[in-house]
Each structure stands twice: as C-alpha cells, then as structure tokens.
C-alpha atoms as a PDB file:
ATOM      1  CA  MET A   1       0.000   0.000   0.000  1.00  0.00           C
ATOM      2  CA  TRP A   2       2.168   2.835   1.254  1.00  0.00           C
ATOM      3  CA  LEU A   3       5.424   1.305   0.005  1.00  0.00           C
ATOM      4  CA  LYS A   4       4.560   1.462  -3.688  1.00  0.00           C
ATOM      5  CA  LYS A   5       3.292   5.039  -3.358  1.00  0.00           C
ATOM      6  CA  LEU A   6       6.409   6.074  -1.445  1.00  0.00           C
ATOM      7  CA  CYS A   7       8.698   4.551  -4.067  1.00  0.00           C
ATOM      8  CA  ASP A   8       6.712   6.101  -6.907  1.00  0.00           C
ATOM      9  CA  ASP A   9       6.708   9.544  -5.280  1.00  0.00           C
ATOM     10  CA  TYR A  10      10.459   9.441  -4.583  1.00  0.00           C
ATOM     11  CA  GLY A  11      11.368   7.779  -7.881  1.00  0.00           C
ATOM     12  CA  VAL A  12      13.043   4.674  -6.466  1.00  0.00           C
ATOM     13  CA  SER A  13      12.283   0.988  -6.749  1.00  0.00           C
ATOM     14  CA  GLU A  14      11.439  -1.053  -3.686  1.00  0.00           C
ATOM     15  CA  ASN A  15      14.707  -2.962  -4.104  1.00  0.00           C
ATOM     16  CA  LYS A  16      16.711   0.249  -4.341  1.00  0.00           C
ATOM     17  CA  LEU A  17      15.005   1.671  -1.255  1.00  0.00           C
ATOM     18  CA  ALA A  18      15.842  -1.485   0.682  1.00  0.00           C
ATOM     19  CA  LYS A  19      19.491  -1.351  -0.421  1.00  0.00           C
ATOM     20  CA  ARG A  20      19.913   2.372   0.213  1.00  0.00           C
ATOM     21  CA  SER A  21      18.214   2.329   3.596  1.00  0.00           C
ATOM     22  CA  GLY A  22      19.592  -0.940   4.885  1.00  0.00           C
ATOM     23  CA  VAL A  23      16.066  -2.026   5.790  1.00  0.00           C
ATOM     24  CA  PRO A  24      15.591  -5.526   4.387  1.00  0.00           C
ATOM     25  CA  ARG A  25      13.024  -5.838   1.629  1.00  0.00           C
ATOM     26  CA  THR A  26      11.271  -8.513   3.671  1.00  0.00           C
ATOM     27  CA  THR A  27      10.855  -6.016   6.525  1.00  0.00           C
ATOM     28  CA  LEU A  28       9.512  -3.369   4.172  1.00  0.00           C
ATOM     29  CA  ASN A  29       7.090  -5.856   2.643  1.00  0.00           C
ATOM     30  CA  SER A  30       5.879  -7.231   5.953  1.00  0.00           C
ATOM     31  CA  SER A  31       5.294  -3.687   7.242  1.00  0.00           C
ATOM     32  CA  ASN A  32       3.501  -2.838   4.046  1.00  0.00           C
ATOM     33  CA  ASN A  33       1.365  -5.985   3.947  1.00  0.00           C
ATOM     34  CA  ALA A  34       0.454  -6.111   7.630  1.00  0.00           C
ATOM     35  CA  LYS A  35      -2.432  -4.223   9.115  1.00  0.00           C
ATOM     36  CA  SER A  36      -0.474  -1.007   8.621  1.00  0.00           C
ATOM     37  CA  LYS A  37      -2.179   1.464   6.382  1.00  0.00           C
ATOM     38  CA  SER A  38       0.619   4.022   6.499  1.00  0.00           C
ATOM     39  CA  ILE A  39       4.310   4.420   7.027  1.00  0.00           C
ATOM     40  CA  GLY A  40       3.512   5.731  10.514  1.00  0.00           C
ATOM     41  CA  ASP A  41       3.060   2.138  11.607  1.00  0.00           C
ATOM     42  CA  ILE A  42       6.676   1.081  11.028  1.00  0.00           C
ATOM     43  CA  LYS A  43       9.359   1.107  13.693  1.00  0.00           C
ATOM     44  CA  LEU A  44      11.107   4.415  14.263  1.00  0.00           C
ATOM     45  CA  LYS A  45      14.568   2.933  13.685  1.00  0.00           C
ATOM     46  CA  ASN A  46      13.484   1.803  10.213  1.00  0.00           C
ATOM     47  CA  ALA A  47      11.737   5.098   9.489  1.00  0.00           C
ATOM     48  CA  LYS A  48      15.009   6.914  10.282  1.00  0.00           C
ATOM     49  CA  LYS A  49      16.909   4.711   7.840  1.00  0.00           C
ATOM     50  CA  ILE A  50      14.301   5.154   5.108  1.00  0.00           C
ATOM     51  CA  ALA A  51      14.137   8.920   5.599  1.00  0.00           C
ATOM     52  CA  LYS A  52      17.915   9.251   5.469  1.00  0.00           C
ATOM     53  CA  SER A  53      18.101   7.219   2.271  1.00  0.00           C
ATOM     54  CA  LEU A  54      15.465   9.449   0.665  1.00  0.00           C
ATOM     55  CA  GLY A  55      17.086  12.680   1.850  1.00  0.00           C
ATOM     56  CA  CYS A  56      14.238  13.793   4.086  1.00  0.00           C
ATOM     57  CA  SER A  57      13.473  13.959   7.785  1.00  0.00           C
ATOM     58  CA  VAL A  58      11.411  11.413   9.680  1.00  0.00           C
ATOM     59  CA  ASP A  59       8.756  14.102  10.207  1.00  0.00           C
ATOM     60  CA  GLU A  60       8.589  14.731   6.469  1.00  0.00           C
ATOM     61  CA  LEU A  61       8.321  10.998   5.879  1.00  0.00           C
ATOM     62  CA  TYR A  62       5.509  10.556   8.407  1.00  0.00           C
ATOM     63  CA  ASN A  63       3.660  13.630   7.109  1.00  0.00           C
ATOM     64  CA  TRP A  64       4.118  12.581   3.491  1.00  0.00           C
ATOM     65  CA  TYR A  65       1.373   9.951   3.639  1.00  0.00           C
ATOM     66  CA  LYS A  66      -1.281  12.019   5.471  1.00  0.00           C
END
C-alpha cells in the first residue's frame, strides 16, 4: 500500500530503497502488507533509515502519507 506510493513519489524501486536504507526488503514488505495502512506504523529505527536514504526527515516521511 504505502510502500509502492512512497517509491513512486520518490522515484526509487522497492529494491533500491531497501538497499539504500539498509532495511531488508522482507521487513519493508511485511510492514507494508500487515495491518499497517501508512508508514507511521513502522518502527522508528526503520523510518530513520528510510528517511535518510530518501534525503528527508522522519517528520517529512511521516507527514508525506497524510
């Protein structure tokens, strides 16, 4: 859900996001496929890694999906 939109909006593939952030693709997929409807449901440590790899802050990342 949110993962595809995030990757589309930032112009990266899911594989590239996983490599850049250091968050395993399996973790991204399980967060995306679980009950979570937004990126706000993932662990903060992973959100920090994702935000850094995309060149934005965690706040920007969390507010992006609202």
